[in-house]
Amino acid sequence: MPWQQITLTTSSDQSDMIADLLHKNGALSVTFTDAKDEPLFQLQPEETPLWKHTEIKALFEAQDNISSIMQVISQEMLPHTFSYNSERLEDQDWVRKTQQNFPAKQFANKLWVIPSWDDEKEHAGTIVKVDPGLAFGTGTHATTALCLEWLAKNPPLNESVIDYGCGSGILSLAALALGAEKVYAIDHDPQALEATQNNADLNAFPADALEILTCQQAPNIQVPLVIANILANPLLELKTTLQALTNSDATLVLSGILAAEADRIVSAYSDAFELIEKAQQEEWVRLVFKRSPQIKNA
């Protein structure tokens, strides 16, 4: 059965209103996606942030009059204006199409991140399985890829690791696959914690090797490796928190930072950490710090 799909880009403050109007005018489904490759960080559990530039896709039945529907919605949205395009979607194997969008990815010629349906026998090396349908991070975005690349080159053998802002849990699982003894996956978003658990269930790690925790449940410990793949502003706010989780010789890996924001992060962390490495992919930067030995946790 064919469908019609419309696609439009709007601002975050108009997205919910447009979505409601699409539903009221017969849309079978409405989805929001990132129009400008802009990661999000949810500061509070009750928040549901959207991208500054949000792409909306809406699915309609083949016989619906898209032109008339969009004319009604455009009138409702005045004085705001937007453009859209429509396309006909023929019936097809949607499962196969979805699977094609998430190929296996290799990092540092050692670590493979593969979708849950892939055959791990086809890949030689360390393997982590994830369900791309759970989103939050599959290794495709540069910020996550930078962290996976670093982990693959610096396996945390027999170490305890904290993954702060774990999202899908991909970095936590990669750390375990690469030899970490214990990993604490921490996030304030219940959906992220659920995604992490679901992805963990796809992999044969010991049950007691991974603890999935809310920020309020974060353990009062110091570990040799802390990873935080978030965004610049939250990383600035979390500086004291992350410092308190590191031991006297710890490595701190920060990602989710735009190149233009890197100096601000380095400056904020310089009183307790020494920058030892900086890497860039596209417009995103990974910063690796070493704990300054003379600094003590409060």
Protein backbone atom coordinates (compact mmCIF):
# COMPACT_ATOMS: atom_id res chain seq x y z
CA MET A 1 0.00 0.00 0.00
CA PRO A 2 1.49 3.39 -0.98
CA TRP A 3 1.55 6.46 1.27
CA GLN A 4 2.32 10.14 0.98
CA GLN A 5 5.01 11.75 3.12
CA ILE A 6 5.53 15.45 3.69
CA THR A 7 8.76 16.91 5.04
CA LEU A 8 9.26 20.39 6.43
CA THR A 9 11.80 22.19 8.59
CA THR A 10 10.76 24.58 11.31
CA SER A 11 11.95 26.01 14.63
CA SER A 12 11.69 24.13 17.91
CA ASP A 13 9.06 26.51 19.31
CA GLN A 14 6.70 25.83 16.38
CA SER A 15 7.23 22.08 16.10
CA ASP A 16 4.63 20.89 18.60
CA MET A 17 1.91 23.15 17.17
CA ILE A 18 2.59 21.98 13.62
CA ALA A 19 2.63 18.35 14.76
CA ASP A 20 -0.75 18.78 16.47
CA LEU A 21 -2.21 20.33 13.30
CA LEU A 22 -0.82 17.50 11.17
CA HIS A 23 -2.44 14.91 13.45
CA LYS A 24 -5.76 16.79 13.44
CA ASN A 25 -5.71 16.82 9.65
CA GLY A 26 -5.22 13.12 9.18
CA ALA A 27 -1.51 12.35 9.61
CA LEU A 28 -0.96 8.69 10.42
CA SER A 29 2.35 9.47 12.09
CA VAL A 30 4.53 12.49 12.81
CA THR A 31 8.22 12.27 13.63
CA PHE A 32 10.81 14.87 14.64
CA THR A 33 14.43 14.63 13.51
CA ASP A 34 17.49 16.84 13.64
CA ALA A 35 17.72 19.12 10.60
CA LYS A 36 21.19 20.55 11.32
CA ASP A 37 23.20 17.76 13.03
CA GLU A 38 22.74 19.30 16.48
CA PRO A 39 23.02 16.94 19.49
CA LEU A 40 20.71 17.56 22.43
CA PHE A 41 21.27 17.31 26.16
CA GLN A 42 18.28 16.94 28.47
CA LEU A 43 19.19 18.85 31.63
CA GLN A 44 16.16 17.73 33.63
CA PRO A 45 14.14 14.49 33.36
CA GLU A 46 10.92 16.40 32.76
CA GLU A 47 12.37 18.30 29.80
CA THR A 48 11.68 17.26 26.21
CA PRO A 49 13.99 19.51 24.20
CA LEU A 50 13.89 19.79 20.43
CA TRP A 51 16.53 20.85 17.97
CA LYS A 52 16.68 24.53 17.06
CA HIS A 53 16.08 23.45 13.46
CA THR A 54 13.65 20.54 13.58
CA GLU A 55 12.68 18.45 10.59
CA ILE A 56 9.13 17.11 10.69
CA LYS A 57 7.99 14.15 8.62
CA ALA A 58 4.32 13.24 8.44
CA LEU A 59 2.77 10.20 6.80
CA PHE A 60 -0.64 10.35 5.09
CA GLU A 61 -2.80 7.91 3.20
CA ALA A 62 -2.43 7.88 -0.59
CA GLN A 63 -5.83 9.46 -1.25
CA ASP A 64 -5.38 12.45 1.11
CA ASN A 65 -5.24 15.88 -0.52
CA ILE A 66 -1.90 17.12 0.74
CA SER A 67 -2.18 20.52 -0.89
CA SER A 68 -5.47 21.27 0.86
CA ILE A 69 -4.22 19.95 4.19
CA MET A 70 -1.09 22.08 4.10
CA GLN A 71 -3.10 25.13 3.06
CA VAL A 72 -5.23 24.75 6.19
CA ILE A 73 -2.17 24.30 8.39
CA SER A 74 -0.41 27.29 6.81
CA GLN A 75 -3.42 29.48 7.60
CA GLU A 76 -3.43 28.26 11.21
CA MET A 77 0.26 29.06 11.57
CA LEU A 78 0.13 32.66 10.31
CA PRO A 79 2.07 34.92 10.59
CA HIS A 80 4.69 32.13 10.65
CA THR A 81 5.46 30.64 7.26
CA PHE A 82 7.24 27.49 6.16
CA SER A 83 7.76 25.45 3.03
CA TYR A 84 7.34 21.73 2.60
CA ASN A 85 7.85 19.00 0.04
CA SER A 86 5.82 15.86 -0.49
CA GLU A 87 6.65 12.48 -1.95
CA ARG A 88 4.90 9.24 -2.67
CA LEU A 89 6.20 6.23 -0.76
CA GLU A 90 5.67 2.92 -2.45
CA ASP A 91 5.18 -0.20 -0.42
CA GLN A 92 8.51 -1.88 0.25
CA ASP A 93 10.45 -3.98 2.68
CA TRP A 94 10.78 -1.40 5.46
CA VAL A 95 12.73 -3.74 7.71
CA ARG A 96 15.42 -4.21 5.08
CA LYS A 97 15.45 -0.50 4.29
CA THR A 98 15.95 0.34 7.97
CA GLN A 99 18.72 -2.21 8.33
CA GLN A 100 20.58 -0.73 5.37
CA ASN A 101 20.74 2.62 7.20
CA PHE A 102 22.76 1.13 10.06
CA PRO A 103 25.78 -0.77 8.76
CA ALA A 104 28.42 -2.18 11.08
CA LYS A 105 31.20 0.29 11.92
CA GLN A 106 34.80 -0.40 12.89
CA PHE A 107 37.00 1.79 15.09
CA ALA A 108 40.81 1.73 15.18
CA ASN A 109 40.81 -1.58 13.26
CA LYS A 110 39.81 -3.28 16.50
CA LEU A 111 36.34 -2.46 17.77
CA TRP A 112 33.17 -3.28 15.85
CA VAL A 113 29.79 -1.75 16.67
CA ILE A 114 27.15 -3.78 14.87
CA PRO A 115 23.34 -3.65 14.76
CA SER A 116 21.48 -6.33 16.66
CA TRP A 117 20.48 -8.21 13.49
CA ASP A 118 24.02 -8.48 12.11
CA ASP A 119 25.97 -11.72 12.23
CA GLU A 120 28.96 -11.15 14.49
CA LYS A 121 30.80 -14.03 12.82
CA GLU A 122 31.29 -11.75 9.82
CA HIS A 123 33.51 -9.39 11.84
CA ALA A 124 36.91 -10.11 13.36
CA GLY A 125 37.77 -8.28 16.56
CA THR A 126 35.97 -6.90 19.58
CA ILE A 127 32.23 -6.64 19.00
CA VAL A 128 29.44 -4.62 20.60
CA LYS A 129 25.85 -5.15 19.52
CA VAL A 130 23.34 -2.30 19.71
CA ASP A 131 19.76 -1.75 18.66
CA PRO A 132 19.73 1.37 16.44
CA GLY A 133 15.99 1.68 17.00
CA LEU A 134 16.77 2.77 20.55
CA ALA A 135 18.62 5.86 19.24
CA PHE A 136 20.68 7.96 21.71
CA GLY A 137 23.90 6.87 20.01
CA THR A 138 24.93 4.20 17.54
CA GLY A 139 28.45 5.34 16.72
CA THR A 140 27.39 7.16 13.58
CA HIS A 141 27.67 10.67 15.01
CA ALA A 142 31.14 12.19 15.17
CA THR A 143 30.98 12.85 18.92
CA THR A 144 30.35 9.17 19.69
CA ALA A 145 32.77 7.96 17.02
CA LEU A 146 35.56 10.05 18.56
CA CYS A 147 35.02 8.37 21.93
CA LEU A 148 34.83 4.88 20.45
CA GLU A 149 38.03 5.51 18.50
CA TRP A 150 39.81 6.59 21.69
CA LEU A 151 38.54 3.60 23.67
CA ALA A 152 39.65 1.20 20.94
CA LYS A 153 43.15 2.69 21.03
CA ASN A 154 43.24 2.89 24.83
CA PRO A 155 41.41 -0.19 26.12
CA PRO A 156 40.57 0.17 29.85
CA LEU A 157 41.88 -3.25 30.83
CA ASN A 158 40.76 -4.28 34.34
CA GLU A 159 39.73 -0.69 35.13
CA SER A 160 36.57 0.83 36.57
CA VAL A 161 34.95 3.30 34.18
CA ILE A 162 32.20 5.90 34.54
CA ASP A 163 30.19 6.78 31.45
CA TYR A 164 28.42 9.99 32.48
CA GLY A 165 25.48 10.80 30.22
CA CYS A 166 25.45 7.27 28.83
CA GLY A 167 22.59 7.67 26.32
CA SER A 168 22.30 4.34 24.51
CA GLY A 169 25.08 2.86 26.64
CA ILE A 170 27.30 2.34 23.62
CA LEU A 171 30.42 3.72 25.32
CA SER A 172 29.76 1.70 28.47
CA LEU A 173 29.41 -1.49 26.46
CA ALA A 174 32.48 -0.71 24.38
CA ALA A 175 34.50 -0.21 27.58
CA LEU A 176 33.34 -3.61 28.86
CA ALA A 177 34.09 -5.29 25.55
CA LEU A 178 37.59 -3.80 25.63
CA GLY A 179 38.35 -5.25 29.05
CA ALA A 180 36.96 -2.92 31.72
CA GLU A 181 36.29 -4.71 34.99
CA LYS A 182 33.37 -2.49 36.05
CA VAL A 183 31.39 0.21 34.26
CA TYR A 184 28.92 2.67 35.76
CA ALA A 185 26.48 3.97 33.13
CA ILE A 186 24.87 7.15 34.44
CA ASP A 187 22.08 9.27 32.96
CA HIS A 188 19.12 11.29 34.23
CA ASP A 189 16.84 10.26 31.33
CA PRO A 190 14.83 7.07 32.10
CA GLN A 191 14.65 6.31 28.37
CA ALA A 192 18.44 6.40 28.14
CA LEU A 193 18.74 4.00 31.07
CA GLU A 194 16.20 1.67 29.45
CA ALA A 195 18.06 1.84 26.13
CA THR A 196 21.34 1.04 27.90
CA GLN A 197 19.82 -2.00 29.60
CA ASN A 198 18.26 -3.23 26.37
CA ASN A 199 21.57 -2.89 24.54
CA ALA A 200 23.40 -4.59 27.41
CA ASP A 201 21.03 -7.54 27.06
CA LEU A 202 22.22 -7.98 23.47
CA ASN A 203 25.77 -8.62 24.68
CA ALA A 204 27.14 -11.40 26.85
CA PHE A 205 28.80 -9.33 29.57
CA PRO A 206 28.69 -10.46 33.21
CA ALA A 207 25.57 -9.02 34.87
CA ASP A 208 27.53 -7.50 37.75
CA ALA A 209 30.04 -5.76 35.44
CA LEU A 210 27.59 -3.01 34.48
CA GLU A 211 25.62 -0.75 36.81
CA ILE A 212 22.98 1.49 35.21
CA LEU A 213 22.21 4.43 37.45
CA THR A 214 20.42 7.76 37.61
CA CYS A 215 22.49 10.83 38.38
CA GLN A 216 21.09 10.75 41.91
CA GLN A 217 22.33 7.18 42.29
CA ALA A 218 25.88 7.96 41.12
CA PRO A 219 28.32 6.18 43.43
CA ASN A 220 30.60 8.09 45.77
CA ILE A 221 33.76 6.67 44.24
CA GLN A 222 36.78 7.80 42.26
CA VAL A 223 37.77 5.84 39.16
CA PRO A 224 40.71 5.95 36.73
CA LEU A 225 38.58 6.73 33.66
CA VAL A 226 35.56 8.99 33.24
CA ILE A 227 33.94 9.56 29.84
CA ALA A 228 31.33 12.24 29.20
CA ASN A 229 29.96 12.62 25.69
CA ILE A 230 27.48 15.42 26.24
CA LEU A 231 27.66 19.06 25.07
CA ALA A 232 29.81 22.04 26.01
CA ASN A 233 27.42 23.89 28.33
CA PRO A 234 26.45 20.82 30.38
CA LEU A 235 30.14 19.86 30.58
CA LEU A 236 30.85 23.27 32.08
CA GLU A 237 28.06 22.77 34.63
CA LEU A 238 29.26 19.24 35.45
CA LYS A 239 32.91 20.11 35.97
CA THR A 240 32.81 19.74 39.77
CA THR A 241 30.75 16.55 39.51
CA LEU A 242 33.13 14.91 37.04
CA GLN A 243 36.17 16.01 38.98
CA ALA A 244 34.78 14.37 42.12
CA LEU A 245 34.48 11.05 40.26
CA THR A 246 38.13 10.93 39.17
CA ASN A 247 41.01 9.50 41.18
CA SER A 248 44.39 11.17 41.54
CA ASP A 249 45.79 9.72 38.30
CA ALA A 250 42.57 9.62 36.27
CA THR A 251 41.94 10.18 32.59
CA LEU A 252 38.93 12.29 31.64
CA VAL A 253 37.54 12.04 28.09
CA LEU A 254 35.13 14.78 27.04
CA SER A 255 33.22 14.92 23.76
CA GLY A 256 30.17 16.57 22.27
CA ILE A 257 32.16 19.78 21.94
CA LEU A 258 32.15 22.03 18.91
CA ALA A 259 35.63 23.10 17.81
CA ALA A 260 34.81 26.75 18.59
CA GLU A 261 33.97 25.79 22.19
CA ALA A 262 37.06 23.71 22.93
CA ASP A 263 39.17 26.50 24.45
CA ARG A 264 36.37 27.36 26.85
CA ILE A 265 36.24 23.77 28.10
CA VAL A 266 40.03 23.52 28.43
CA SER A 267 40.10 26.75 30.42
CA ALA A 268 37.31 25.62 32.76
CA TYR A 269 38.98 22.29 33.52
CA SER A 270 42.58 23.54 33.67
CA ASP A 271 42.64 24.03 37.43
CA ALA A 272 42.30 20.28 38.00
CA PHE A 273 43.24 18.62 34.71
CA GLU A 274 45.98 18.84 32.12
CA LEU A 275 44.99 18.58 28.47
CA ILE A 276 46.98 15.75 26.89
CA GLU A 277 45.17 15.19 23.60
CA LYS A 278 42.78 16.92 21.24
CA ALA A 279 41.17 15.31 18.21
CA GLN A 280 38.64 16.63 15.73
CA GLN A 281 36.14 14.99 13.39
CA GLU A 282 34.04 17.28 11.23
CA GLU A 283 33.24 20.26 13.49
CA TRP A 284 33.33 18.19 16.69
CA VAL A 285 36.21 17.84 19.14
CA ARG A 286 37.28 15.25 21.68
CA LEU A 287 39.41 16.44 24.60
CA VAL A 288 41.43 14.06 26.76
CA PHE A 289 42.68 15.27 30.13
CA LYS A 290 44.92 13.83 32.80
CA ARG A 291 44.20 14.57 36.43
CA SER A 292 46.72 16.94 37.95
CA PRO A 293 48.24 14.93 40.84
CA GLN A 294 48.44 17.88 43.23
CA ILE A 295 44.66 18.44 43.11
CA LYS A 296 42.59 16.77 45.80
CA ASN A 297 38.88 16.12 45.69
CA ALA A 298 36.87 18.22 48.07
